[in-house]
Amino acid sequence: MDVSEVLLPGVGLRYEFTTTDGQHIGVVARRSGDIEFVDHPDPDPDEVRPLFRLSAEEAGAVAEILGAPRIAERFADLTREVPGLSSGQVEVTAGSPYADRALGETRARTRTGASIVAVVRGEEVIASPQPGQTLRTGDILVVIGTQQGITGVEHILAG
């Protein structure tokens, strides 16, 4: 599915896509954190009909509802399709030498061949974390790789 992104100066970003039923949908991510869903009854993207609006907190809740299970589902599908590929969860414990340090400092992928594809922090899911992402005690790292690679990430984080 193609999703286009349009900058709305002073407002935020509008993401647009067409559903399989042919409906043109826009999601306006406002700078305030609020999210507005709009419909494009005509092909003109400037002619919109508001559908509903969510506060930043409500938008976060919907993102978690839709995002976290979807991420887990995609990883489960991937590990079933590729022999030898597994997914695992590794916790950053209180004694970890990498607590309060950047993910990239672990050099986990270089050292083990396993990839850290998400960080779960409480109710928040940080998908595709960047090397500069700070790890915190209690974070759960979602790791994809061989079982040996996942075990290697556990050893790295344990120190």
C-alpha atoms as a PDB file:
ATOM      1  CA  MET A   1       0.000   0.000   0.000  1.00  0.00           C
ATOM      2  CA  ASP A   2       1.308   3.435  -0.895  1.00  0.00           C
ATOM      3  CA  VAL A   3       1.195   6.094   1.803  1.00  0.00           C
ATOM      4  CA  SER A   4       2.106   9.637   0.830  1.00  0.00           C
ATOM      5  CA  GLU A   5       3.298  12.240   3.291  1.00  0.00           C
ATOM      6  CA  VAL A   6       2.435  15.931   2.967  1.00  0.00           C
ATOM      7  CA  LEU A   7       3.983  18.680   5.090  1.00  0.00           C
ATOM      8  CA  LEU A   8       1.392  21.076   6.506  1.00  0.00           C
ATOM      9  CA  PRO A   9       3.412  24.141   7.581  1.00  0.00           C
ATOM     10  CA  GLY A  10       2.498  25.227  11.088  1.00  0.00           C
ATOM     11  CA  VAL A  11       0.154  22.252  11.517  1.00  0.00           C
ATOM     12  CA  GLY A  12       2.126  19.005  11.151  1.00  0.00           C
ATOM     13  CA  LEU A  13       2.014  16.175   8.620  1.00  0.00           C
ATOM     14  CA  ARG A  14      -0.789  14.560   6.651  1.00  0.00           C
ATOM     15  CA  TYR A  15      -0.456  10.932   5.609  1.00  0.00           C
ATOM     16  CA  GLU A  16      -2.718   9.835   2.769  1.00  0.00           C
ATOM     17  CA  PHE A  17      -3.670   6.467   1.346  1.00  0.00           C
ATOM     18  CA  THR A  18      -6.471   4.802  -0.559  1.00  0.00           C
ATOM     19  CA  THR A  19      -8.246   1.815   0.969  1.00  0.00           C
ATOM     20  CA  THR A  20      -8.958  -1.348  -0.990  1.00  0.00           C
ATOM     21  CA  ASP A  21     -12.544  -0.066  -1.244  1.00  0.00           C
ATOM     22  CA  GLY A  22     -11.301   3.088  -3.012  1.00  0.00           C
ATOM     23  CA  GLN A  23     -11.837   5.470  -0.092  1.00  0.00           C
ATOM     24  CA  HIS A  24      -9.244   8.256   0.178  1.00  0.00           C
ATOM     25  CA  ILE A  25      -8.153   8.605   3.826  1.00  0.00           C
ATOM     26  CA  GLY A  26      -5.917  11.175   5.456  1.00  0.00           C
ATOM     27  CA  VAL A  27      -4.343  11.091   8.893  1.00  0.00           C
ATOM     28  CA  VAL A  28      -3.239  14.509  10.109  1.00  0.00           C
ATOM     29  CA  ALA A  29      -0.535  14.306  12.772  1.00  0.00           C
ATOM     30  CA  ARG A  30      -0.625  17.710  14.428  1.00  0.00           C
ATOM     31  CA  ARG A  31       2.365  19.283  16.117  1.00  0.00           C
ATOM     32  CA  SER A  32       0.371  19.227  19.363  1.00  0.00           C
ATOM     33  CA  GLY A  33       0.299  15.430  19.240  1.00  0.00           C
ATOM     34  CA  ASP A  34      -3.387  15.291  18.317  1.00  0.00           C
ATOM     35  CA  ILE A  35      -4.389  13.114  15.382  1.00  0.00           C
ATOM     36  CA  GLU A  36      -7.244  13.851  13.006  1.00  0.00           C
ATOM     37  CA  PHE A  37      -8.694  11.388  10.536  1.00  0.00           C
ATOM     38  CA  VAL A  38     -10.168  12.871   7.376  1.00  0.00           C
ATOM     39  CA  ASP A  39     -11.879  11.570   4.268  1.00  0.00           C
ATOM     40  CA  HIS A  40     -11.238  12.875   0.755  1.00  0.00           C
ATOM     41  CA  PRO A  41     -14.628  12.578  -0.955  1.00  0.00           C
ATOM     42  CA  ASP A  42     -13.121  14.024  -4.153  1.00  0.00           C
ATOM     43  CA  PRO A  43      -9.730  13.321  -5.687  1.00  0.00           C
ATOM     44  CA  ASP A  44      -8.667  16.818  -4.556  1.00  0.00           C
ATOM     45  CA  PRO A  45      -6.634  16.297  -1.342  1.00  0.00           C
ATOM     46  CA  ASP A  46      -7.423  19.845  -0.224  1.00  0.00           C
ATOM     47  CA  GLU A  47     -11.137  19.015  -0.031  1.00  0.00           C
ATOM     48  CA  VAL A  48     -11.442  17.019   3.169  1.00  0.00           C
ATOM     49  CA  ARG A  49     -14.229  15.940   5.471  1.00  0.00           C
ATOM     50  CA  PRO A  50     -13.223  15.462   9.127  1.00  0.00           C
ATOM     51  CA  LEU A  51     -14.109  12.019  10.431  1.00  0.00           C
ATOM     52  CA  PHE A  52     -12.836  12.189  14.028  1.00  0.00           C
ATOM     53  CA  ARG A  53     -10.047  13.593  16.181  1.00  0.00           C
ATOM     54  CA  LEU A  54      -7.971  11.964  18.928  1.00  0.00           C
ATOM     55  CA  SER A  55      -5.974  13.635  21.675  1.00  0.00           C
ATOM     56  CA  ALA A  56      -2.277  12.802  21.904  1.00  0.00           C
ATOM     57  CA  GLU A  57      -3.019  10.346  24.719  1.00  0.00           C
ATOM     58  CA  GLU A  58      -5.851   8.691  22.782  1.00  0.00           C
ATOM     59  CA  ALA A  59      -3.696   8.485  19.637  1.00  0.00           C
ATOM     60  CA  GLY A  60      -0.944   6.817  21.668  1.00  0.00           C
ATOM     61  CA  ALA A  61      -3.396   4.237  22.980  1.00  0.00           C
ATOM     62  CA  VAL A  62      -4.648   3.437  19.469  1.00  0.00           C
ATOM     63  CA  ALA A  63      -1.070   3.188  18.177  1.00  0.00           C
ATOM     64  CA  GLU A  64      -0.256   0.656  20.894  1.00  0.00           C
ATOM     65  CA  ILE A  65      -3.404  -1.334  20.207  1.00  0.00           C
ATOM     66  CA  LEU A  66      -2.647  -1.511  16.492  1.00  0.00           C
ATOM     67  CA  GLY A  67       1.158  -1.398  16.508  1.00  0.00           C
ATOM     68  CA  ALA A  68       2.418  -3.800  19.152  1.00  0.00           C
ATOM     69  CA  PRO A  69       0.397  -6.850  18.089  1.00  0.00           C
ATOM     70  CA  ARG A  70       1.144  -6.103  14.427  1.00  0.00           C
ATOM     71  CA  ILE A  71       4.893  -5.981  15.086  1.00  0.00           C
ATOM     72  CA  ALA A  72       4.756  -9.273  16.998  1.00  0.00           C
ATOM     73  CA  GLU A  73       2.639 -10.830  14.249  1.00  0.00           C
ATOM     74  CA  ARG A  74       5.092  -9.796  11.524  1.00  0.00           C
ATOM     75  CA  PHE A  75       8.059 -11.211  13.437  1.00  0.00           C
ATOM     76  CA  ALA A  76       6.227 -14.470  14.103  1.00  0.00           C
ATOM     77  CA  ASP A  77       5.409 -14.770  10.395  1.00  0.00           C
ATOM     78  CA  LEU A  78       9.012 -14.058   9.456  1.00  0.00           C
ATOM     79  CA  THR A  79      10.460 -16.653  11.815  1.00  0.00           C
ATOM     80  CA  ARG A  80       8.044 -19.298  10.457  1.00  0.00           C
ATOM     81  CA  GLU A  81       9.045 -18.519   6.864  1.00  0.00           C
ATOM     82  CA  VAL A  82      12.815 -18.568   7.346  1.00  0.00           C
ATOM     83  CA  PRO A  83      14.318 -21.792   8.722  1.00  0.00           C
ATOM     84  CA  GLY A  84      16.811 -21.162  11.519  1.00  0.00           C
ATOM     85  CA  LEU A  85      15.506 -17.667  12.256  1.00  0.00           C
ATOM     86  CA  SER A  86      14.069 -17.063  15.709  1.00  0.00           C
ATOM     87  CA  SER A  87      12.739 -14.170  17.698  1.00  0.00           C
ATOM     88  CA  GLY A  88      13.380 -13.568  21.354  1.00  0.00           C
ATOM     89  CA  GLN A  89      13.041 -11.034  24.113  1.00  0.00           C
ATOM     90  CA  VAL A  90      15.974  -9.848  26.181  1.00  0.00           C
ATOM     91  CA  GLU A  91      15.546  -7.642  29.238  1.00  0.00           C
ATOM     92  CA  VAL A  92      17.931  -4.862  30.209  1.00  0.00           C
ATOM     93  CA  THR A  93      18.399  -5.725  33.886  1.00  0.00           C
ATOM     94  CA  ALA A  94      19.465  -3.429  36.719  1.00  0.00           C
ATOM     95  CA  GLY A  95      23.044  -4.717  36.645  1.00  0.00           C
ATOM     96  CA  SER A  96      23.503  -4.412  32.878  1.00  0.00           C
ATOM     97  CA  PRO A  97      26.545  -2.396  31.815  1.00  0.00           C
ATOM     98  CA  TYR A  98      24.394  -1.016  28.962  1.00  0.00           C
ATOM     99  CA  ALA A  99      21.612   0.474  31.108  1.00  0.00           C
ATOM    100  CA  ASP A 100      21.498   4.223  30.424  1.00  0.00           C
ATOM    101  CA  ARG A 101      23.775   3.812  27.401  1.00  0.00           C
ATOM    102  CA  ALA A 102      23.095   3.932  23.665  1.00  0.00           C
ATOM    103  CA  LEU A 103      21.947   0.759  21.921  1.00  0.00           C
ATOM    104  CA  GLY A 104      24.749   1.133  19.369  1.00  0.00           C
ATOM    105  CA  GLU A 105      27.357   0.797  22.101  1.00  0.00           C
ATOM    106  CA  THR A 106      26.357  -2.856  22.521  1.00  0.00           C
ATOM    107  CA  ARG A 107      27.496  -3.596  18.951  1.00  0.00           C
ATOM    108  CA  ALA A 108      25.040  -6.511  19.263  1.00  0.00           C
ATOM    109  CA  ARG A 109      24.484  -7.082  15.561  1.00  0.00           C
ATOM    110  CA  THR A 110      28.177  -6.934  14.733  1.00  0.00           C
ATOM    111  CA  ARG A 111      29.072  -9.267  17.581  1.00  0.00           C
ATOM    112  CA  THR A 112      26.201 -11.775  17.262  1.00  0.00           C
ATOM    113  CA  GLY A 113      24.546 -11.349  13.862  1.00  0.00           C
ATOM    114  CA  ALA A 114      21.205 -10.834  15.639  1.00  0.00           C
ATOM    115  CA  SER A 115      19.192  -7.645  15.135  1.00  0.00           C
ATOM    116  CA  ILE A 116      17.361  -5.665  17.792  1.00  0.00           C
ATOM    117  CA  VAL A 117      14.185  -4.700  15.973  1.00  0.00           C
ATOM    118  CA  ALA A 118      12.192  -3.090  18.783  1.00  0.00           C
ATOM    119  CA  VAL A 119      12.466  -1.837  22.337  1.00  0.00           C
ATOM    120  CA  VAL A 120       9.445  -2.279  24.587  1.00  0.00           C
ATOM    121  CA  ARG A 121       9.481   0.242  27.410  1.00  0.00           C
ATOM    122  CA  GLY A 122       6.454  -0.169  29.624  1.00  0.00           C
ATOM    123  CA  GLU A 123       3.481   0.495  27.348  1.00  0.00           C
ATOM    124  CA  GLU A 124       5.615   2.102  24.621  1.00  0.00           C
ATOM    125  CA  VAL A 125       6.973   0.204  21.623  1.00  0.00           C
ATOM    126  CA  ILE A 126       9.978   1.739  19.883  1.00  0.00           C
ATOM    127  CA  ALA A 127      10.097  -0.032  16.528  1.00  0.00           C
ATOM    128  CA  SER A 128      13.345  -0.038  14.539  1.00  0.00           C
ATOM    129  CA  PRO A 129      15.374   1.693  17.267  1.00  0.00           C
ATOM    130  CA  GLN A 130      18.293   3.799  16.115  1.00  0.00           C
ATOM    131  CA  PRO A 131      21.840   3.212  17.436  1.00  0.00           C
ATOM    132  CA  GLY A 132      21.525   6.353  19.567  1.00  0.00           C
ATOM    133  CA  GLN A 133      18.437   5.017  21.388  1.00  0.00           C
ATOM    134  CA  THR A 134      19.203   5.009  25.117  1.00  0.00           C
ATOM    135  CA  LEU A 135      18.512   1.712  26.850  1.00  0.00           C
ATOM    136  CA  ARG A 136      16.850   1.807  30.260  1.00  0.00           C
ATOM    137  CA  THR A 137      16.619  -0.754  33.035  1.00  0.00           C
ATOM    138  CA  GLY A 138      13.477  -2.799  32.437  1.00  0.00           C
ATOM    139  CA  ASP A 139      13.465  -2.334  28.652  1.00  0.00           C
ATOM    140  CA  ILE A 140      12.620  -5.488  26.734  1.00  0.00           C
ATOM    141  CA  LEU A 141      14.569  -5.826  23.488  1.00  0.00           C
ATOM    142  CA  VAL A 142      12.903  -7.751  20.675  1.00  0.00           C
ATOM    143  CA  VAL A 143      15.685  -9.650  18.914  1.00  0.00           C
ATOM    144  CA  ILE A 144      15.609 -11.486  15.581  1.00  0.00           C
ATOM    145  CA  GLY A 145      18.366 -13.924  14.618  1.00  0.00           C
ATOM    146  CA  THR A 146      19.584 -17.424  15.220  1.00  0.00           C
ATOM    147  CA  GLN A 147      19.028 -18.863  18.674  1.00  0.00           C
ATOM    148  CA  GLN A 148      22.785 -18.575  19.212  1.00  0.00           C
ATOM    149  CA  GLY A 149      22.676 -14.890  18.232  1.00  0.00           C
ATOM    150  CA  ILE A 150      19.805 -14.173  20.625  1.00  0.00           C
ATOM    151  CA  THR A 151      21.718 -15.909  23.430  1.00  0.00           C
ATOM    152  CA  GLY A 152      24.727 -13.777  22.484  1.00  0.00           C
ATOM    153  CA  VAL A 153      22.679 -10.591  22.948  1.00  0.00           C
ATOM    154  CA  GLU A 154      21.613 -11.860  26.390  1.00  0.00           C
ATOM    155  CA  HIS A 155      25.275 -12.342  27.332  1.00  0.00           C
ATOM    156  CA  ILE A 156      26.256  -8.896  26.038  1.00  0.00           C
ATOM    157  CA  LEU A 157      23.538  -7.167  28.049  1.00  0.00           C
ATOM    158  CA  ALA A 158      24.346  -9.180  31.155  1.00  0.00           C
ATOM    159  CA  GLY A 159      27.962  -8.023  30.953  1.00  0.00           C
END
